[in-house]
């Protein structure tokens, strides 16, 4: 089932999420629905707060990993810096160059609650950081300087008014 994606201004996007404690059938159904929603959007990552659920989990597919899930993620061992355009399904339309670590390790739990970790570079590192930010109530525009934030909000407004089309560039969360 496709779940409506919450957009900028929804309080769930600005609130820290609660840890996942139950790894049951209800969680598996939520994850299936989140994958359907992410692919339909289309995007490469989707965090639970983006569908109105205040839990520390996200789904992703970097195009290399295939569909993956992580609960209760922690970011470790950040290395380097990469500045690339980033977008978000919760801020439909605009993309903006955003600073992120070039390489990072993300540790969390799988659908059965079993701990695992993944190392990511480039897009996968960006996905881990972007989606983990969502779980802390942080949006990518919160990482921009004042001019960058203003530019994204102005483009979002033009998009909402029908004065511009959403960009079809591959970015985190968005396309």
N, C-alpha and C. Protein backbone atom coordinates (compact mmCIF):
# COMPACT_ATOMS: atom_id res chain seq x y z
N UNK A 1 0.84 -1.17 0.00
CA UNK A 1 0.00 0.00 0.00
C UNK A 1 0.89 1.24 0.00
N UNK A 2 0.57 2.20 -0.83
CA UNK A 2 1.30 3.47 -0.88
C UNK A 2 0.80 4.34 0.28
N UNK A 3 1.75 4.87 1.05
CA UNK A 3 1.43 5.72 2.20
C UNK A 3 1.71 7.17 1.80
N UNK A 4 0.83 8.11 2.14
CA UNK A 4 1.12 9.51 1.83
C UNK A 4 2.41 9.97 2.52
N UNK A 5 3.24 10.69 1.76
CA UNK A 5 4.50 11.21 2.30
C UNK A 5 4.25 12.57 2.93
N UNK A 6 4.69 12.72 4.17
CA UNK A 6 4.55 13.99 4.88
C UNK A 6 5.54 14.99 4.30
N UNK A 7 5.11 16.25 4.25
CA UNK A 7 5.95 17.28 3.65
C UNK A 7 6.30 18.37 4.66
N UNK A 8 7.25 19.20 4.23
CA UNK A 8 7.77 20.29 5.05
C UNK A 8 6.63 21.01 5.76
N UNK A 9 6.78 21.20 7.06
CA UNK A 9 5.75 21.83 7.88
C UNK A 9 5.04 20.84 8.78
N UNK A 10 5.09 19.55 8.45
CA UNK A 10 4.47 18.53 9.30
C UNK A 10 5.36 18.32 10.53
N UNK A 11 4.80 18.44 11.74
CA UNK A 11 5.61 18.34 12.96
C UNK A 11 6.37 17.02 13.12
N UNK A 12 5.87 15.91 12.56
CA UNK A 12 6.56 14.62 12.72
C UNK A 12 7.96 14.67 12.09
N UNK A 13 8.15 15.54 11.10
CA UNK A 13 9.45 15.63 10.44
C UNK A 13 10.49 16.36 11.28
N UNK A 14 10.07 17.09 12.28
CA UNK A 14 11.00 17.87 13.10
C UNK A 14 11.17 17.29 14.51
N UNK A 15 10.62 16.11 14.76
CA UNK A 15 10.70 15.49 16.09
C UNK A 15 11.59 14.26 16.06
N UNK A 16 12.44 14.09 17.07
CA UNK A 16 13.24 12.86 17.15
C UNK A 16 12.33 11.63 17.28
N UNK A 17 12.72 10.56 16.63
CA UNK A 17 11.93 9.32 16.62
C UNK A 17 12.31 8.40 17.78
N UNK A 18 11.39 7.50 18.09
CA UNK A 18 11.60 6.52 19.16
C UNK A 18 12.26 5.27 18.60
N UNK A 19 13.06 4.58 19.43
CA UNK A 19 13.69 3.34 18.97
C UNK A 19 12.66 2.27 18.61
N UNK A 20 13.02 1.43 17.64
CA UNK A 20 12.20 0.27 17.30
C UNK A 20 12.48 -0.79 18.36
N UNK A 21 11.43 -1.28 18.99
CA UNK A 21 11.58 -2.30 20.03
C UNK A 21 10.94 -3.63 19.65
N UNK A 22 9.93 -3.57 18.77
CA UNK A 22 9.23 -4.80 18.37
C UNK A 22 9.51 -5.11 16.91
N UNK A 23 10.09 -6.28 16.68
CA UNK A 23 10.40 -6.73 15.33
C UNK A 23 9.42 -7.85 14.99
N UNK A 24 8.20 -7.43 14.64
CA UNK A 24 7.10 -8.38 14.46
C UNK A 24 6.48 -8.24 13.07
N UNK A 25 5.36 -8.91 12.89
CA UNK A 25 4.65 -8.89 11.61
C UNK A 25 4.18 -7.49 11.24
N UNK A 26 3.75 -6.70 12.22
CA UNK A 26 3.32 -5.33 11.95
C UNK A 26 4.47 -4.50 11.38
N UNK A 27 5.67 -4.69 11.90
CA UNK A 27 6.84 -3.99 11.38
C UNK A 27 7.11 -4.42 9.94
N UNK A 28 7.02 -5.71 9.66
CA UNK A 28 7.26 -6.19 8.30
C UNK A 28 6.25 -5.60 7.31
N UNK A 29 5.00 -5.47 7.72
CA UNK A 29 3.98 -4.86 6.85
C UNK A 29 4.30 -3.38 6.61
N UNK A 30 4.70 -2.68 7.66
CA UNK A 30 5.07 -1.27 7.51
C UNK A 30 6.23 -1.13 6.52
N UNK A 31 7.23 -1.98 6.67
CA UNK A 31 8.40 -1.92 5.79
C UNK A 31 8.00 -2.20 4.34
N UNK A 32 7.15 -3.18 4.10
CA UNK A 32 6.66 -3.46 2.74
C UNK A 32 5.98 -2.22 2.15
N UNK A 33 5.13 -1.59 2.95
CA UNK A 33 4.42 -0.39 2.49
C UNK A 33 5.40 0.77 2.24
N UNK A 34 6.43 0.87 3.07
CA UNK A 34 7.42 1.92 2.87
C UNK A 34 8.22 1.70 1.58
N UNK A 35 8.55 0.45 1.28
CA UNK A 35 9.23 0.17 0.01
C UNK A 35 8.32 0.56 -1.16
N UNK A 36 7.06 0.16 -1.11
CA UNK A 36 6.13 0.50 -2.19
C UNK A 36 6.05 2.02 -2.36
N UNK A 37 6.00 2.74 -1.25
CA UNK A 37 5.91 4.20 -1.27
C UNK A 37 7.19 4.80 -1.84
N UNK A 38 8.35 4.31 -1.39
CA UNK A 38 9.63 4.83 -1.86
C UNK A 38 9.78 4.64 -3.37
N UNK A 39 9.50 3.44 -3.86
CA UNK A 39 9.64 3.16 -5.29
C UNK A 39 8.62 3.96 -6.11
N UNK A 40 7.42 4.15 -5.57
CA UNK A 40 6.38 4.88 -6.28
C UNK A 40 6.73 6.37 -6.40
N UNK A 41 7.46 6.92 -5.43
CA UNK A 41 7.69 8.36 -5.35
C UNK A 41 8.37 8.99 -6.58
N UNK A 42 9.40 8.52 -7.19
CA UNK A 42 10.35 7.50 -6.78
C UNK A 42 11.50 8.13 -5.99
N UNK A 43 12.09 7.32 -5.11
CA UNK A 43 13.21 7.77 -4.31
C UNK A 43 14.17 6.63 -4.05
N UNK A 44 15.26 6.95 -3.35
CA UNK A 44 16.27 5.94 -3.02
C UNK A 44 16.30 5.65 -1.52
N UNK A 45 15.54 6.39 -0.74
CA UNK A 45 15.46 6.18 0.70
C UNK A 45 14.19 6.78 1.24
N UNK A 46 13.71 6.23 2.34
CA UNK A 46 12.50 6.73 2.98
C UNK A 46 12.55 6.37 4.46
N UNK A 47 12.44 7.38 5.31
CA UNK A 47 12.45 7.19 6.76
C UNK A 47 11.02 7.17 7.29
N UNK A 48 10.81 6.43 8.37
CA UNK A 48 9.47 6.29 8.96
C UNK A 48 8.78 7.63 9.24
N UNK A 49 9.47 8.66 9.76
CA UNK A 49 8.76 9.93 9.99
C UNK A 49 8.17 10.52 8.72
N UNK A 50 8.75 10.21 7.56
CA UNK A 50 8.22 10.73 6.31
C UNK A 50 6.85 10.16 5.97
N UNK A 51 6.49 9.06 6.60
CA UNK A 51 5.15 8.50 6.41
C UNK A 51 4.34 8.60 7.71
N UNK A 52 4.78 9.51 8.60
CA UNK A 52 4.01 9.82 9.80
C UNK A 52 4.24 8.88 10.98
N UNK A 53 5.27 8.04 10.92
CA UNK A 53 5.55 7.07 11.98
C UNK A 53 6.82 7.50 12.70
N UNK A 54 6.73 7.79 13.97
CA UNK A 54 7.87 8.28 14.74
C UNK A 54 8.68 7.11 15.30
N UNK A 55 9.29 6.35 14.41
CA UNK A 55 10.15 5.23 14.79
C UNK A 55 11.49 5.36 14.06
N UNK A 56 12.55 4.90 14.69
CA UNK A 56 13.91 4.99 14.13
C UNK A 56 14.15 3.85 13.13
N UNK A 57 13.63 4.03 11.93
CA UNK A 57 13.86 3.05 10.87
C UNK A 57 13.76 3.71 9.51
N UNK A 58 14.45 3.11 8.56
CA UNK A 58 14.33 3.57 7.18
C UNK A 58 14.54 2.42 6.21
N UNK A 59 14.07 2.63 4.99
CA UNK A 59 14.28 1.69 3.89
C UNK A 59 15.10 2.43 2.84
N UNK A 60 15.83 1.66 2.02
CA UNK A 60 16.63 2.29 0.99
C UNK A 60 16.98 1.29 -0.10
N UNK A 61 17.35 1.85 -1.25
CA UNK A 61 17.84 1.06 -2.38
C UNK A 61 18.73 1.99 -3.18
N UNK A 62 20.03 1.80 -3.07
CA UNK A 62 21.00 2.68 -3.74
C UNK A 62 21.13 2.38 -5.22
N UNK A 63 20.46 1.34 -5.69
CA UNK A 63 20.62 0.90 -7.07
C UNK A 63 21.67 -0.20 -7.16
N UNK A 64 22.46 -0.34 -6.11
CA UNK A 64 23.47 -1.39 -6.03
C UNK A 64 23.10 -2.38 -4.93
N UNK A 65 22.58 -1.87 -3.81
CA UNK A 65 22.27 -2.71 -2.65
C UNK A 65 21.03 -3.56 -2.83
N UNK A 66 20.09 -3.10 -3.67
CA UNK A 66 18.76 -3.71 -3.69
C UNK A 66 18.00 -3.19 -2.49
N UNK A 67 16.75 -3.62 -2.30
CA UNK A 67 15.95 -3.11 -1.18
C UNK A 67 16.53 -3.55 0.16
N UNK A 68 16.76 -2.56 1.04
CA UNK A 68 17.34 -2.82 2.35
C UNK A 68 16.56 -2.06 3.41
N UNK A 69 16.66 -2.54 4.64
CA UNK A 69 15.98 -1.96 5.79
C UNK A 69 16.98 -1.81 6.93
N UNK A 70 16.84 -0.74 7.72
CA UNK A 70 17.66 -0.60 8.91
C UNK A 70 16.84 0.07 10.01
N UNK A 71 16.91 -0.55 11.19
CA UNK A 71 16.27 0.02 12.39
C UNK A 71 17.34 0.49 13.34
N UNK A 72 17.03 1.51 14.11
CA UNK A 72 17.89 2.04 15.17
C UNK A 72 19.33 2.28 14.68
N UNK A 73 19.48 3.03 13.57
CA UNK A 73 20.82 3.23 13.00
C UNK A 73 21.70 4.15 13.84
N UNK A 74 22.99 3.87 13.77
CA UNK A 74 24.02 4.73 14.35
C UNK A 74 25.07 4.94 13.26
N UNK A 75 25.52 6.17 13.11
CA UNK A 75 26.55 6.47 12.13
C UNK A 75 27.92 6.44 12.82
N UNK A 76 28.87 5.75 12.19
CA UNK A 76 30.21 5.58 12.75
C UNK A 76 31.27 5.89 11.69
N UNK A 77 32.45 6.23 12.13
CA UNK A 77 33.65 6.31 11.27
C UNK A 77 33.44 7.12 9.99
N UNK A 78 32.99 8.35 10.13
CA UNK A 78 32.85 9.21 8.95
C UNK A 78 34.22 9.61 8.43
N UNK A 79 34.35 9.61 7.09
CA UNK A 79 35.61 9.99 6.45
C UNK A 79 35.34 10.89 5.26
N UNK A 80 36.20 11.85 5.05
CA UNK A 80 36.15 12.70 3.87
C UNK A 80 34.92 13.58 3.81
N UNK A 81 34.83 14.34 2.74
CA UNK A 81 33.67 15.18 2.53
C UNK A 81 33.30 15.16 1.06
N UNK A 82 32.01 15.20 0.81
CA UNK A 82 31.48 15.19 -0.55
C UNK A 82 30.34 16.21 -0.60
N UNK A 83 30.35 17.04 -1.61
CA UNK A 83 29.28 18.02 -1.81
C UNK A 83 28.58 17.66 -3.11
N UNK A 84 27.33 17.24 -2.99
CA UNK A 84 26.53 16.89 -4.16
C UNK A 84 25.11 17.39 -3.96
N UNK A 85 24.38 17.50 -5.07
CA UNK A 85 22.99 17.90 -4.97
C UNK A 85 22.21 16.84 -4.21
N UNK A 86 21.34 17.32 -3.35
CA UNK A 86 20.51 16.43 -2.53
C UNK A 86 19.09 16.95 -2.58
N UNK A 87 18.15 16.03 -2.58
CA UNK A 87 16.74 16.37 -2.55
C UNK A 87 16.06 15.53 -1.51
N UNK A 88 14.77 15.72 -1.34
CA UNK A 88 14.03 15.00 -0.31
C UNK A 88 12.57 14.85 -0.74
N UNK A 89 12.05 13.66 -0.55
CA UNK A 89 10.64 13.42 -0.90
C UNK A 89 9.70 14.28 -0.05
N UNK A 90 10.15 14.73 1.11
CA UNK A 90 9.33 15.58 1.97
C UNK A 90 9.45 17.06 1.61
N UNK A 91 10.33 17.37 0.68
CA UNK A 91 10.48 18.73 0.14
C UNK A 91 10.49 18.56 -1.38
N UNK A 92 9.32 18.26 -1.96
CA UNK A 92 9.27 17.88 -3.38
C UNK A 92 9.70 19.00 -4.32
N UNK A 93 10.58 18.65 -5.24
CA UNK A 93 11.02 19.59 -6.27
C UNK A 93 12.47 19.98 -6.18
N UNK A 94 12.84 20.79 -5.18
CA UNK A 94 14.20 21.35 -5.18
C UNK A 94 15.30 20.37 -4.77
N UNK A 95 16.47 20.62 -5.36
CA UNK A 95 17.72 19.94 -4.99
C UNK A 95 18.73 21.04 -4.71
N UNK A 96 19.71 20.73 -3.86
CA UNK A 96 20.71 21.74 -3.55
C UNK A 96 22.01 21.06 -3.13
N UNK A 97 23.17 21.61 -3.51
CA UNK A 97 24.43 21.02 -3.07
C UNK A 97 24.51 20.98 -1.54
N UNK A 98 24.77 19.79 -1.00
CA UNK A 98 24.76 19.58 0.45
C UNK A 98 26.03 18.82 0.85
N UNK A 99 26.67 19.31 1.90
CA UNK A 99 27.89 18.68 2.42
C UNK A 99 27.53 17.42 3.21
N UNK A 100 28.23 16.34 2.91
CA UNK A 100 28.08 15.08 3.65
C UNK A 100 29.44 14.41 3.72
N UNK A 101 29.57 13.46 4.62
CA UNK A 101 30.78 12.63 4.66
C UNK A 101 30.80 11.74 3.42
N UNK A 102 31.98 11.54 2.86
CA UNK A 102 32.11 10.74 1.64
C UNK A 102 31.99 9.25 1.91
N UNK A 103 32.40 8.84 3.11
CA UNK A 103 32.36 7.43 3.48
C UNK A 103 31.91 7.34 4.93
N UNK A 104 31.08 6.35 5.23
CA UNK A 104 30.56 6.22 6.60
C UNK A 104 30.16 4.77 6.86
N UNK A 105 30.19 4.39 8.10
CA UNK A 105 29.67 3.08 8.50
C UNK A 105 28.36 3.32 9.24
N UNK A 106 27.36 2.54 8.90
CA UNK A 106 26.05 2.63 9.55
C UNK A 106 25.77 1.29 10.22
N UNK A 107 25.51 1.34 11.53
CA UNK A 107 25.20 0.13 12.29
C UNK A 107 23.76 0.22 12.75
N UNK A 108 23.03 -0.88 12.63
CA UNK A 108 21.64 -0.93 13.05
C UNK A 108 21.17 -2.37 13.19
N UNK A 109 19.87 -2.57 12.97
CA UNK A 109 19.27 -3.90 13.10
C UNK A 109 18.45 -4.21 11.87
N UNK A 110 18.40 -5.51 11.54
CA UNK A 110 17.60 -5.96 10.40
C UNK A 110 16.16 -6.20 10.85
N UNK A 111 15.35 -6.74 9.95
CA UNK A 111 13.92 -6.95 10.23
C UNK A 111 13.65 -7.92 11.38
N UNK A 112 14.64 -8.69 11.76
CA UNK A 112 14.48 -9.64 12.87
C UNK A 112 15.12 -9.13 14.16
N UNK A 113 15.65 -7.91 14.11
CA UNK A 113 16.29 -7.33 15.27
C UNK A 113 17.76 -7.69 15.41
N UNK A 114 18.29 -8.42 14.42
CA UNK A 114 19.69 -8.84 14.47
C UNK A 114 20.59 -7.67 14.08
N UNK A 115 21.63 -7.38 14.89
CA UNK A 115 22.55 -6.28 14.57
C UNK A 115 23.35 -6.55 13.29
N UNK A 116 23.57 -5.49 12.52
CA UNK A 116 24.46 -5.57 11.36
C UNK A 116 24.98 -4.18 11.06
N UNK A 117 26.05 -4.11 10.27
CA UNK A 117 26.55 -2.82 9.85
C UNK A 117 26.97 -2.88 8.39
N UNK A 118 26.90 -1.70 7.77
CA UNK A 118 27.27 -1.56 6.36
C UNK A 118 28.18 -0.36 6.22
N UNK A 119 29.14 -0.49 5.34
CA UNK A 119 29.99 0.63 4.98
C UNK A 119 29.45 1.21 3.68
N UNK A 120 29.37 2.51 3.61
CA UNK A 120 28.87 3.14 2.40
C UNK A 120 29.76 4.27 1.94
N UNK A 121 29.88 4.40 0.62
CA UNK A 121 30.60 5.51 0.00
C UNK A 121 29.66 6.19 -0.98
N UNK A 122 29.93 7.44 -1.27
CA UNK A 122 29.15 8.17 -2.27
C UNK A 122 27.67 8.19 -1.94
N UNK A 123 26.84 7.73 -2.89
CA UNK A 123 25.39 7.78 -2.71
C UNK A 123 24.94 7.00 -1.48
N UNK A 124 25.50 5.82 -1.24
CA UNK A 124 25.08 5.03 -0.08
C UNK A 124 25.41 5.75 1.22
N UNK A 125 26.57 6.38 1.30
CA UNK A 125 26.92 7.16 2.49
C UNK A 125 25.94 8.31 2.68
N UNK A 126 25.58 8.95 1.58
CA UNK A 126 24.62 10.07 1.63
C UNK A 126 23.26 9.58 2.10
N UNK A 127 22.81 8.44 1.61
CA UNK A 127 21.53 7.86 2.04
C UNK A 127 21.55 7.62 3.55
N UNK A 128 22.59 6.97 4.05
CA UNK A 128 22.67 6.70 5.49
C UNK A 128 22.56 7.99 6.30
N UNK A 129 23.27 9.02 5.89
CA UNK A 129 23.27 10.27 6.63
C UNK A 129 21.93 11.00 6.52
N UNK A 130 21.39 11.05 5.31
CA UNK A 130 20.11 11.75 5.08
C UNK A 130 18.98 11.09 5.85
N UNK A 131 18.88 9.76 5.76
CA UNK A 131 17.77 9.07 6.43
C UNK A 131 17.93 9.08 7.94
N UNK A 132 19.16 8.97 8.44
CA UNK A 132 19.39 9.05 9.89
C UNK A 132 19.04 10.44 10.39
N UNK A 133 19.35 11.47 9.60
CA UNK A 133 18.93 12.83 9.98
C UNK A 133 17.42 12.90 10.19
N UNK A 134 16.66 12.29 9.27
CA UNK A 134 15.19 12.30 9.41
C UNK A 134 14.77 11.75 10.78
N UNK A 135 15.46 10.73 11.25
CA UNK A 135 15.10 10.09 12.52
C UNK A 135 15.41 10.98 13.71
N UNK A 136 16.22 11.99 13.49
CA UNK A 136 16.57 12.94 14.54
C UNK A 136 15.80 14.25 14.41
N UNK A 137 14.89 14.31 13.42
CA UNK A 137 14.10 15.52 13.22
C UNK A 137 14.83 16.59 12.42
N UNK A 138 15.81 16.16 11.62
CA UNK A 138 16.61 17.10 10.82
C UNK A 138 16.33 16.85 9.35
N UNK A 139 16.11 17.94 8.61
CA UNK A 139 15.93 17.87 7.15
C UNK A 139 17.20 18.37 6.47
N UNK A 140 17.41 18.00 5.22
CA UNK A 140 18.65 18.41 4.55
C UNK A 140 18.77 19.93 4.49
N UNK A 141 17.66 20.65 4.43
CA UNK A 141 17.75 22.11 4.39
C UNK A 141 18.26 22.69 5.71
N UNK A 142 18.16 21.93 6.79
CA UNK A 142 18.70 22.37 8.07
C UNK A 142 20.23 22.39 8.05
N UNK A 143 20.84 21.71 7.09
CA UNK A 143 22.30 21.64 6.96
C UNK A 143 22.84 22.72 6.02
N UNK A 144 21.96 23.47 5.37
CA UNK A 144 22.38 24.49 4.41
C UNK A 144 22.62 25.83 5.09
N UNK A 145 23.44 26.65 4.44
CA UNK A 145 23.60 28.02 4.95
C UNK A 145 22.32 28.80 4.61
N UNK A 146 22.24 30.02 5.08
CA UNK A 146 21.01 30.82 4.92
C UNK A 146 20.63 31.01 3.45
N UNK A 147 21.62 31.28 2.59
CA UNK A 147 21.33 31.47 1.16
C UNK A 147 20.82 30.18 0.52
N UNK A 148 21.43 29.06 0.87
CA UNK A 148 21.00 27.77 0.33
C UNK A 148 19.58 27.44 0.75
N UNK A 149 19.30 27.65 2.03
CA UNK A 149 17.96 27.38 2.54
C UNK A 149 16.92 28.25 1.83
N UNK A 150 17.23 29.54 1.67
CA UNK A 150 16.31 30.45 0.97
C UNK A 150 16.08 30.00 -0.47
N UNK A 151 17.14 29.57 -1.13
CA UNK A 151 17.02 29.13 -2.53
C UNK A 151 16.11 27.90 -2.63
N UNK A 152 16.29 26.93 -1.72
CA UNK A 152 15.45 25.72 -1.74
C UNK A 152 14.00 26.09 -1.46
N UNK A 153 13.76 26.93 -0.46
CA UNK A 153 12.38 27.31 -0.13
C UNK A 153 11.73 28.09 -1.26
N UNK A 154 12.49 28.94 -1.96
CA UNK A 154 11.94 29.69 -3.10
C UNK A 154 11.57 28.73 -4.23
N UNK A 155 12.44 27.75 -4.51
CA UNK A 155 12.15 26.78 -5.57
C UNK A 155 10.95 25.92 -5.18
N UNK A 156 10.87 25.54 -3.91
CA UNK A 156 9.72 24.77 -3.43
C UNK A 156 8.43 25.56 -3.65
N UNK A 157 8.46 26.83 -3.33
CA UNK A 157 7.27 27.68 -3.51
C UNK A 157 6.87 27.75 -4.98
N UNK A 158 7.85 27.92 -5.88
CA UNK A 158 7.54 27.95 -7.32
C UNK A 158 6.92 26.63 -7.76
N UNK A 159 7.44 25.52 -7.24
CA UNK A 159 6.91 24.20 -7.56
C UNK A 159 5.46 24.08 -7.06
N UNK A 160 5.22 24.51 -5.83
CA UNK A 160 3.87 24.42 -5.25
C UNK A 160 2.86 25.28 -6.02
N UNK A 161 3.32 26.38 -6.57
CA UNK A 161 2.45 27.27 -7.34
C UNK A 161 2.29 26.83 -8.79
N UNK A 162 2.99 25.74 -9.16
CA UNK A 162 2.91 25.24 -10.52
C UNK A 162 3.74 26.04 -11.51
N UNK A 163 4.69 26.84 -11.00
CA UNK A 163 5.52 27.67 -11.86
C UNK A 163 6.80 26.96 -12.31
N UNK A 164 7.07 25.81 -11.71
CA UNK A 164 8.23 25.01 -12.13
C UNK A 164 7.90 23.54 -11.98
N UNK A 165 8.63 22.73 -12.72
CA UNK A 165 8.46 21.28 -12.67
C UNK A 165 9.47 20.70 -11.69
N UNK A 166 9.13 19.57 -11.06
CA UNK A 166 10.14 18.93 -10.21
C UNK A 166 11.31 18.47 -11.06
N UNK A 167 12.50 18.58 -10.52
CA UNK A 167 13.67 18.13 -11.26
C UNK A 167 13.71 16.61 -11.29
N UNK A 168 14.22 16.06 -12.34
CA UNK A 168 14.32 14.62 -12.46
C UNK A 168 15.77 14.19 -12.30
N UNK A 169 16.44 14.76 -11.33
CA UNK A 169 17.82 14.44 -11.03
C UNK A 169 17.83 13.45 -9.88
N UNK A 170 18.73 12.47 -9.96
CA UNK A 170 18.83 11.45 -8.94
C UNK A 170 19.44 12.06 -7.68
N UNK A 171 18.71 12.05 -6.58
CA UNK A 171 19.22 12.56 -5.32
C UNK A 171 18.73 11.66 -4.20
N UNK A 172 19.18 11.96 -3.02
CA UNK A 172 18.75 11.16 -1.88
C UNK A 172 17.28 11.45 -1.63
N UNK A 173 16.53 10.42 -1.33
CA UNK A 173 15.09 10.49 -1.14
C UNK A 173 14.39 10.78 -2.45
N UNK A 174 14.80 11.81 -3.15
CA UNK A 174 14.10 12.20 -4.35
C UNK A 174 14.74 11.64 -5.62
N UNK A 175 14.20 12.06 -6.74
CA UNK A 175 14.70 11.57 -8.02
C UNK A 175 15.51 12.64 -8.73
